[in-house]
Amino acid sequence: MTADTGTGGNNVATPGGSPDERGAIAAFVVLIMVGLLALLGLVVDGGVALTARQAAHVEAEQAARAGAGALSKDALRAGLIEIDGPAAVIAAEAFMAAAGHPGSATVAGGVVTVWINYQVPTTILGMIGIDRLDVSAEATALNVGGVTRGSP
């Protein structure tokens, strides 16, 4: 009589479960890896998008200030401080173009408003079909003459 070692049949007991559960761990690992890849994409590409948004906001602020610096010569001769609307729009849009992110500018009521909108490419999220993330910023500026004082 010979002893059966359990290796000759199809119903060999596997550690941790029945033969019907083969590959369940592999599927679980694949799902976890996809989730971790998506999380990594959010961290890396999200960080890039946040940095680009901050840079866009700084560019918009600087462009608005450049526009607010375009004063009306006729108003200055009369002793007033007024923004020259068309010159302010040109100055703000020229600043944005020089910074590499063209946008739009308007002047209303002595306030220059600037909008910048562009996209940044993704690195990791591109693997799941998200190739670009939108970045936008808005800023306003006005020109104030003389020294201003706060309350004591």
N, C-alpha and C. Protein backbone atom coordinates (compact mmCIF):
# COMPACT_ATOMS: atom_id res chain seq x y z
N MET A 1 0.84 -1.16 0.00
CA MET A 1 0.00 0.00 0.00
C MET A 1 0.89 1.24 0.00
N THR A 2 0.60 2.13 -0.87
CA THR A 2 1.40 3.34 -0.97
C THR A 2 0.60 4.52 -0.44
N ALA A 3 1.30 5.46 0.10
CA ALA A 3 0.64 6.63 0.67
C ALA A 3 0.43 7.68 -0.41
N ASP A 4 -0.74 8.27 -0.41
CA ASP A 4 -1.05 9.34 -1.37
C ASP A 4 -0.58 10.66 -0.76
N THR A 5 0.31 11.32 -1.49
CA THR A 5 0.85 12.59 -0.97
C THR A 5 -0.03 13.78 -1.27
N GLY A 6 -1.05 13.59 -2.04
CA GLY A 6 -1.98 14.69 -2.32
C GLY A 6 -1.55 15.52 -3.50
N THR A 7 -0.56 15.10 -4.25
CA THR A 7 -0.10 15.90 -5.38
C THR A 7 -0.58 15.37 -6.71
N GLY A 8 -1.21 14.21 -6.74
CA GLY A 8 -1.60 13.63 -8.01
C GLY A 8 -2.99 14.01 -8.46
N GLY A 9 -3.83 14.56 -7.64
CA GLY A 9 -5.22 14.86 -8.00
C GLY A 9 -5.43 16.32 -8.36
N ASN A 10 -6.60 16.59 -8.89
CA ASN A 10 -6.94 17.97 -9.25
C ASN A 10 -7.43 18.79 -8.08
N ASN A 11 -7.83 18.15 -7.04
CA ASN A 11 -8.39 18.86 -5.89
C ASN A 11 -7.34 19.07 -4.81
N VAL A 12 -6.22 19.56 -5.21
CA VAL A 12 -5.14 19.79 -4.26
C VAL A 12 -5.50 21.02 -3.44
N ALA A 13 -5.38 20.91 -2.16
CA ALA A 13 -5.66 22.05 -1.28
C ALA A 13 -4.54 23.08 -1.43
N THR A 14 -4.93 24.32 -1.63
CA THR A 14 -3.95 25.40 -1.76
C THR A 14 -3.97 26.22 -0.49
N PRO A 15 -2.84 26.77 -0.16
CA PRO A 15 -2.82 27.59 1.05
C PRO A 15 -3.75 28.79 0.91
N GLY A 16 -4.62 29.00 1.85
CA GLY A 16 -5.48 30.16 1.89
C GLY A 16 -6.79 30.02 1.15
N GLY A 17 -7.13 28.89 0.59
CA GLY A 17 -8.42 28.81 -0.06
C GLY A 17 -8.54 27.61 -0.97
N SER A 18 -9.67 27.52 -1.61
CA SER A 18 -9.96 26.41 -2.50
C SER A 18 -9.38 26.67 -3.88
N PRO A 19 -9.34 25.64 -4.75
CA PRO A 19 -8.81 25.84 -6.09
C PRO A 19 -9.62 26.84 -6.90
N ASP A 20 -10.88 27.09 -6.57
CA ASP A 20 -11.69 28.04 -7.30
C ASP A 20 -11.26 29.49 -7.06
N GLU A 21 -10.44 29.74 -6.08
CA GLU A 21 -10.02 31.10 -5.74
C GLU A 21 -8.68 31.47 -6.35
N ARG A 22 -8.14 30.66 -7.22
CA ARG A 22 -6.85 30.97 -7.83
C ARG A 22 -6.97 32.24 -8.66
N GLY A 23 -6.02 33.11 -8.53
CA GLY A 23 -6.00 34.36 -9.28
C GLY A 23 -6.73 35.51 -8.60
N ALA A 24 -7.41 35.23 -7.50
CA ALA A 24 -8.14 36.29 -6.81
C ALA A 24 -7.17 37.34 -6.25
N ILE A 25 -6.04 36.91 -5.77
CA ILE A 25 -5.05 37.84 -5.23
C ILE A 25 -4.47 38.69 -6.36
N ALA A 26 -4.23 38.08 -7.51
CA ALA A 26 -3.70 38.83 -8.65
C ALA A 26 -4.68 39.93 -9.08
N ALA A 27 -5.94 39.62 -9.13
CA ALA A 27 -6.95 40.62 -9.50
C ALA A 27 -7.00 41.73 -8.47
N PHE A 28 -6.89 41.38 -7.20
CA PHE A 28 -6.90 42.36 -6.12
C PHE A 28 -5.68 43.27 -6.24
N VAL A 29 -4.52 42.70 -6.52
CA VAL A 29 -3.29 43.48 -6.65
C VAL A 29 -3.41 44.44 -7.84
N VAL A 30 -3.98 43.99 -8.95
CA VAL A 30 -4.15 44.85 -10.11
C VAL A 30 -5.06 46.02 -9.76
N LEU A 31 -6.16 45.77 -9.07
CA LEU A 31 -7.06 46.86 -8.68
C LEU A 31 -6.38 47.85 -7.74
N ILE A 32 -5.62 47.35 -6.81
CA ILE A 32 -4.90 48.23 -5.88
C ILE A 32 -3.88 49.07 -6.63
N MET A 33 -3.17 48.47 -7.58
CA MET A 33 -2.16 49.20 -8.35
C MET A 33 -2.81 50.30 -9.20
N VAL A 34 -3.96 50.02 -9.79
CA VAL A 34 -4.66 51.04 -10.56
C VAL A 34 -5.07 52.20 -9.65
N GLY A 35 -5.56 51.88 -8.47
CA GLY A 35 -5.93 52.92 -7.51
C GLY A 35 -4.73 53.74 -7.06
N LEU A 36 -3.61 53.08 -6.80
CA LEU A 36 -2.40 53.80 -6.40
C LEU A 36 -1.86 54.66 -7.53
N LEU A 37 -1.96 54.18 -8.76
CA LEU A 37 -1.51 54.97 -9.91
C LEU A 37 -2.38 56.22 -10.06
N ALA A 38 -3.69 56.07 -9.89
CA ALA A 38 -4.58 57.23 -9.97
C ALA A 38 -4.27 58.22 -8.85
N LEU A 39 -4.01 57.73 -7.65
CA LEU A 39 -3.65 58.59 -6.53
C LEU A 39 -2.33 59.32 -6.79
N LEU A 40 -1.36 58.60 -7.33
CA LEU A 40 -0.09 59.22 -7.67
C LEU A 40 -0.28 60.30 -8.73
N GLY A 41 -1.14 60.04 -9.69
CA GLY A 41 -1.43 61.04 -10.72
C GLY A 41 -2.06 62.29 -10.13
N LEU A 42 -2.98 62.11 -9.18
CA LEU A 42 -3.60 63.27 -8.54
C LEU A 42 -2.58 64.08 -7.76
N VAL A 43 -1.67 63.39 -7.10
CA VAL A 43 -0.66 64.09 -6.31
C VAL A 43 0.30 64.84 -7.22
N VAL A 44 0.88 64.14 -8.19
CA VAL A 44 1.90 64.76 -9.05
C VAL A 44 1.27 65.81 -9.96
N ASP A 45 0.29 65.41 -10.75
CA ASP A 45 -0.30 66.35 -11.71
C ASP A 45 -1.14 67.41 -11.01
N GLY A 46 -1.75 67.07 -9.89
CA GLY A 46 -2.48 68.07 -9.11
C GLY A 46 -1.53 69.13 -8.55
N GLY A 47 -0.36 68.70 -8.12
CA GLY A 47 0.65 69.64 -7.64
C GLY A 47 1.13 70.57 -8.74
N VAL A 48 1.32 70.01 -9.92
CA VAL A 48 1.72 70.83 -11.07
C VAL A 48 0.63 71.85 -11.39
N ALA A 49 -0.63 71.40 -11.34
CA ALA A 49 -1.74 72.31 -11.65
C ALA A 49 -1.85 73.42 -10.59
N LEU A 50 -1.65 73.08 -9.32
CA LEU A 50 -1.71 74.11 -8.28
C LEU A 50 -0.59 75.13 -8.43
N THR A 51 0.60 74.66 -8.76
CA THR A 51 1.73 75.56 -8.98
C THR A 51 1.46 76.46 -10.18
N ALA A 52 0.91 75.89 -11.26
CA ALA A 52 0.59 76.68 -12.45
C ALA A 52 -0.51 77.69 -12.14
N ARG A 53 -1.46 77.32 -11.30
CA ARG A 53 -2.54 78.26 -10.95
C ARG A 53 -1.98 79.43 -10.15
N GLN A 54 -1.06 79.15 -9.25
CA GLN A 54 -0.44 80.22 -8.48
C GLN A 54 0.36 81.14 -9.41
N ALA A 55 1.10 80.56 -10.34
CA ALA A 55 1.87 81.37 -11.29
C ALA A 55 0.94 82.20 -12.17
N ALA A 56 -0.18 81.61 -12.59
CA ALA A 56 -1.14 82.35 -13.42
C ALA A 56 -1.72 83.52 -12.64
N HIS A 57 -1.98 83.31 -11.35
CA HIS A 57 -2.53 84.40 -10.54
C HIS A 57 -1.51 85.54 -10.40
N VAL A 58 -0.25 85.18 -10.20
CA VAL A 58 0.80 86.21 -10.11
C VAL A 58 0.91 86.97 -11.43
N GLU A 59 0.86 86.24 -12.56
CA GLU A 59 0.92 86.89 -13.87
C GLU A 59 -0.28 87.82 -14.08
N ALA A 60 -1.45 87.38 -13.66
CA ALA A 60 -2.65 88.21 -13.81
C ALA A 60 -2.54 89.47 -12.95
N GLU A 61 -2.03 89.33 -11.73
CA GLU A 61 -1.85 90.51 -10.88
C GLU A 61 -0.87 91.50 -11.50
N GLN A 62 0.25 90.98 -12.00
CA GLN A 62 1.25 91.86 -12.60
C GLN A 62 0.71 92.53 -13.87
N ALA A 63 -0.04 91.79 -14.67
CA ALA A 63 -0.63 92.37 -15.88
C ALA A 63 -1.63 93.45 -15.52
N ALA A 64 -2.42 93.22 -14.48
CA ALA A 64 -3.39 94.24 -14.05
C ALA A 64 -2.66 95.49 -13.55
N ARG A 65 -1.57 95.29 -12.83
CA ARG A 65 -0.79 96.45 -12.38
C ARG A 65 -0.18 97.21 -13.55
N ALA A 66 0.30 96.46 -14.56
CA ALA A 66 0.86 97.11 -15.75
C ALA A 66 -0.22 97.93 -16.44
N GLY A 67 -1.43 97.41 -16.51
CA GLY A 67 -2.53 98.15 -17.11
C GLY A 67 -2.91 99.37 -16.29
N ALA A 68 -2.91 99.21 -14.98
CA ALA A 68 -3.29 100.33 -14.11
C ALA A 68 -2.27 101.45 -14.15
N GLY A 69 -1.07 101.15 -14.61
CA GLY A 69 -0.03 102.17 -14.72
C GLY A 69 -0.18 103.04 -15.96
N ALA A 70 -1.07 102.67 -16.86
CA ALA A 70 -1.28 103.46 -18.08
C ALA A 70 -2.26 104.58 -17.77
N LEU A 71 -1.71 105.72 -17.40
CA LEU A 71 -2.54 106.86 -16.99
C LEU A 71 -2.82 107.77 -18.17
N SER A 72 -3.95 108.45 -18.09
CA SER A 72 -4.34 109.42 -19.11
C SER A 72 -3.48 110.68 -18.97
N LYS A 73 -2.80 111.04 -20.03
CA LYS A 73 -1.94 112.24 -19.99
C LYS A 73 -2.76 113.51 -19.83
N ASP A 74 -3.90 113.55 -20.48
CA ASP A 74 -4.76 114.74 -20.37
C ASP A 74 -5.25 114.91 -18.93
N ALA A 75 -5.61 113.81 -18.28
CA ALA A 75 -6.07 113.88 -16.89
C ALA A 75 -4.93 114.31 -15.97
N LEU A 76 -3.71 113.80 -16.24
CA LEU A 76 -2.56 114.20 -15.41
C LEU A 76 -2.28 115.70 -15.54
N ARG A 77 -2.42 116.21 -16.75
CA ARG A 77 -2.21 117.66 -16.95
C ARG A 77 -3.24 118.49 -16.19
N ALA A 78 -4.42 117.91 -16.00
CA ALA A 78 -5.47 118.59 -15.25
C ALA A 78 -5.37 118.33 -13.75
N GLY A 79 -4.37 117.54 -13.34
CA GLY A 79 -4.18 117.26 -11.92
C GLY A 79 -4.99 116.09 -11.41
N LEU A 80 -5.51 115.27 -12.31
CA LEU A 80 -6.31 114.10 -11.92
C LEU A 80 -5.56 112.81 -12.24
N ILE A 81 -5.95 111.79 -11.57
CA ILE A 81 -5.37 110.47 -11.86
C ILE A 81 -6.48 109.60 -12.43
N GLU A 82 -6.39 109.34 -13.72
CA GLU A 82 -7.36 108.49 -14.41
C GLU A 82 -6.61 107.52 -15.32
N ILE A 83 -7.14 106.33 -15.40
CA ILE A 83 -6.54 105.32 -16.26
C ILE A 83 -7.00 105.53 -17.70
N ASP A 84 -6.05 105.46 -18.62
CA ASP A 84 -6.36 105.52 -20.05
C ASP A 84 -6.79 104.11 -20.46
N GLY A 85 -8.10 103.91 -20.64
CA GLY A 85 -8.66 102.58 -20.88
C GLY A 85 -8.01 101.79 -22.00
N PRO A 86 -7.98 102.32 -23.24
CA PRO A 86 -7.37 101.55 -24.33
C PRO A 86 -5.89 101.25 -24.10
N ALA A 87 -5.14 102.23 -23.56
CA ALA A 87 -3.72 102.01 -23.29
C ALA A 87 -3.53 100.98 -22.18
N ALA A 88 -4.43 100.97 -21.21
CA ALA A 88 -4.34 100.00 -20.12
C ALA A 88 -4.58 98.58 -20.62
N VAL A 89 -5.55 98.41 -21.51
CA VAL A 89 -5.83 97.08 -22.08
C VAL A 89 -4.63 96.60 -22.88
N ILE A 90 -4.07 97.50 -23.69
CA ILE A 90 -2.90 97.14 -24.50
C ILE A 90 -1.73 96.75 -23.61
N ALA A 91 -1.46 97.54 -22.55
CA ALA A 91 -0.35 97.25 -21.65
C ALA A 91 -0.54 95.91 -20.93
N ALA A 92 -1.75 95.65 -20.44
CA ALA A 92 -2.01 94.40 -19.73
C ALA A 92 -1.89 93.19 -20.65
N GLU A 93 -2.45 93.30 -21.85
CA GLU A 93 -2.39 92.18 -22.78
C GLU A 93 -0.97 91.96 -23.31
N ALA A 94 -0.20 93.04 -23.45
CA ALA A 94 1.20 92.90 -23.85
C ALA A 94 2.00 92.19 -22.77
N PHE A 95 1.72 92.50 -21.50
CA PHE A 95 2.42 91.84 -20.40
C PHE A 95 2.11 90.35 -20.40
N MET A 96 0.83 90.00 -20.58
CA MET A 96 0.44 88.59 -20.58
C MET A 96 1.08 87.85 -21.75
N ALA A 97 1.11 88.49 -22.92
CA ALA A 97 1.72 87.85 -24.09
C ALA A 97 3.22 87.63 -23.86
N ALA A 98 3.89 88.60 -23.25
CA ALA A 98 5.32 88.47 -22.96
C ALA A 98 5.57 87.37 -21.92
N ALA A 99 4.62 87.17 -21.01
CA ALA A 99 4.76 86.12 -19.99
C ALA A 99 4.46 84.74 -20.56
N GLY A 100 3.90 84.69 -21.77
CA GLY A 100 3.65 83.40 -22.41
C GLY A 100 2.26 82.85 -22.24
N HIS A 101 1.38 83.59 -21.59
CA HIS A 101 0.01 83.13 -21.38
C HIS A 101 -0.95 84.26 -21.74
N PRO A 102 -1.25 84.42 -23.02
CA PRO A 102 -2.16 85.49 -23.42
C PRO A 102 -3.52 85.37 -22.74
N GLY A 103 -4.09 86.50 -22.44
CA GLY A 103 -5.40 86.54 -21.81
C GLY A 103 -6.16 87.75 -22.29
N SER A 104 -7.11 88.19 -21.50
CA SER A 104 -7.91 89.36 -21.87
C SER A 104 -7.95 90.33 -20.71
N ALA A 105 -8.18 91.59 -21.06
CA ALA A 105 -8.24 92.65 -20.04
C ALA A 105 -9.36 93.61 -20.39
N THR A 106 -9.95 94.18 -19.35
CA THR A 106 -10.96 95.22 -19.53
C THR A 106 -10.71 96.31 -18.49
N VAL A 107 -11.25 97.49 -18.80
CA VAL A 107 -11.18 98.61 -17.85
C VAL A 107 -12.59 99.12 -17.66
N ALA A 108 -13.02 99.21 -16.40
CA ALA A 108 -14.35 99.73 -16.08
C ALA A 108 -14.26 100.47 -14.75
N GLY A 109 -14.68 101.71 -14.75
CA GLY A 109 -14.70 102.49 -13.52
C GLY A 109 -13.33 102.70 -12.91
N GLY A 110 -12.30 102.80 -13.73
CA GLY A 110 -10.95 103.01 -13.20
C GLY A 110 -10.29 101.76 -12.66
N VAL A 111 -10.89 100.59 -12.89
CA VAL A 111 -10.33 99.33 -12.40
C VAL A 111 -9.98 98.45 -13.60
N VAL A 112 -8.76 97.96 -13.63
CA VAL A 112 -8.30 97.07 -14.69
C VAL A 112 -8.52 95.63 -14.21
N THR A 113 -9.25 94.85 -15.00
CA THR A 113 -9.50 93.45 -14.68
C THR A 113 -8.86 92.58 -15.75
N VAL A 114 -8.14 91.56 -15.31
CA VAL A 114 -7.39 90.69 -16.22
C VAL A 114 -7.80 89.25 -15.98
N TRP A 115 -7.97 88.49 -17.09
CA TRP A 115 -8.27 87.06 -17.02
C TRP A 115 -7.21 86.30 -17.81
N ILE A 116 -6.67 85.27 -17.20
CA ILE A 116 -5.73 84.37 -17.88
C ILE A 116 -6.32 82.98 -17.81
N ASN A 117 -6.28 82.26 -18.93
CA ASN A 117 -6.81 80.89 -18.98
C ASN A 117 -5.95 80.09 -19.94
N TYR A 118 -5.36 79.00 -19.45
CA TYR A 118 -4.57 78.12 -20.30
C TYR A 118 -4.61 76.71 -19.71
N GLN A 119 -3.91 75.79 -20.37
CA GLN A 119 -3.88 74.40 -19.92
C GLN A 119 -2.45 73.94 -19.69
N VAL A 120 -2.28 73.06 -18.72
CA VAL A 120 -0.97 72.45 -18.47
C VAL A 120 -1.06 70.96 -18.80
N PRO A 121 -0.02 70.41 -19.42
CA PRO A 121 -0.05 68.98 -19.74
C PRO A 121 0.16 68.14 -18.48
N THR A 122 -0.41 66.95 -18.48
CA THR A 122 -0.24 66.02 -17.36
C THR A 122 0.81 64.98 -17.72
N THR A 123 1.38 64.36 -16.70
CA THR A 123 2.35 63.29 -16.94
C THR A 123 1.76 61.94 -16.60
N ILE A 124 1.22 61.81 -15.42
CA ILE A 124 0.73 60.50 -14.98
C ILE A 124 -0.75 60.32 -15.32
N LEU A 125 -1.55 61.36 -15.16
CA LEU A 125 -2.98 61.24 -15.47
C LEU A 125 -3.21 61.01 -16.96
N GLY A 126 -2.21 61.29 -17.79
CA GLY A 126 -2.31 61.01 -19.21
C GLY A 126 -2.50 59.53 -19.50
N MET A 127 -2.06 58.69 -18.57
CA MET A 127 -2.21 57.23 -18.74
C MET A 127 -3.67 56.79 -18.66
N ILE A 128 -4.50 57.60 -18.02
CA ILE A 128 -5.92 57.23 -17.92
C ILE A 128 -6.79 58.17 -18.77
N GLY A 129 -6.15 58.91 -19.67
CA GLY A 129 -6.91 59.71 -20.62
C GLY A 129 -7.08 61.17 -20.29
N ILE A 130 -6.51 61.66 -19.20
CA ILE A 130 -6.59 63.08 -18.86
C ILE A 130 -5.27 63.70 -19.29
N ASP A 131 -5.25 64.34 -20.46
CA ASP A 131 -4.01 64.85 -21.03
C ASP A 131 -3.65 66.25 -20.57
N ARG A 132 -4.65 67.06 -20.21
CA ARG A 132 -4.40 68.44 -19.82
C ARG A 132 -5.33 68.85 -18.69
N LEU A 133 -4.86 69.80 -17.88
CA LEU A 133 -5.67 70.37 -16.81
C LEU A 133 -5.78 71.88 -17.04
N ASP A 134 -6.98 72.42 -16.84
CA ASP A 134 -7.22 73.85 -17.03
C ASP A 134 -6.67 74.66 -15.87
N VAL A 135 -6.09 75.79 -16.21
CA VAL A 135 -5.58 76.73 -15.21
C VAL A 135 -6.15 78.10 -15.57
N SER A 136 -6.71 78.78 -14.59
CA SER A 136 -7.24 80.12 -14.86
C SER A 136 -7.02 81.01 -13.64
N ALA A 137 -6.96 82.31 -13.91
CA ALA A 137 -6.78 83.28 -12.83
C ALA A 137 -7.39 84.60 -13.26
N GLU A 138 -7.80 85.37 -12.27
CA GLU A 138 -8.37 86.70 -12.48
C GLU A 138 -7.78 87.63 -11.44
N ALA A 139 -7.47 88.85 -11.87
CA ALA A 139 -6.94 89.85 -10.93
C ALA A 139 -7.42 91.23 -11.35
N THR A 140 -7.49 92.13 -10.38
CA THR A 140 -7.87 93.51 -10.65
C THR A 140 -6.85 94.45 -10.02
N ALA A 141 -6.75 95.63 -10.58
CA ALA A 141 -5.85 96.65 -10.03
C ALA A 141 -6.41 98.02 -10.37
N LEU A 142 -6.07 98.98 -9.54
CA LEU A 142 -6.41 100.37 -9.82
C LEU A 142 -5.25 101.22 -9.42
N ASN A 143 -5.17 102.39 -9.98
CA ASN A 143 -4.06 103.28 -9.70
C ASN A 143 -4.48 104.27 -8.63
N VAL A 144 -3.71 104.33 -7.58
CA VAL A 144 -3.99 105.23 -6.47
C VAL A 144 -2.87 106.26 -6.42
N GLY A 145 -3.22 107.53 -6.43
CA GLY A 145 -2.21 108.59 -6.41
C GLY A 145 -1.85 109.01 -5.02
N GLY A 146 -0.59 109.33 -4.83
CA GLY A 146 -0.15 109.88 -3.56
C GLY A 146 0.02 108.81 -2.49
N VAL A 147 0.24 109.27 -1.30
CA VAL A 147 0.45 108.39 -0.16
C VAL A 147 -0.89 108.23 0.54
N THR A 148 -1.24 107.01 0.82
CA THR A 148 -2.49 106.76 1.55
C THR A 148 -2.15 106.35 2.96
N ARG A 149 -3.02 106.69 3.90
CA ARG A 149 -2.79 106.36 5.29
C ARG A 149 -3.95 105.55 5.82
N GLY A 150 -3.61 104.61 6.66
CA GLY A 150 -4.64 103.86 7.35
C GLY A 150 -5.09 104.62 8.58
N SER A 151 -6.08 104.09 9.26
CA SER A 151 -6.54 104.74 10.49
C SER A 151 -5.52 104.52 11.59
N PRO A 152 -5.35 105.50 12.48
CA PRO A 152 -4.32 105.41 13.52
C PRO A 152 -4.56 104.31 14.52
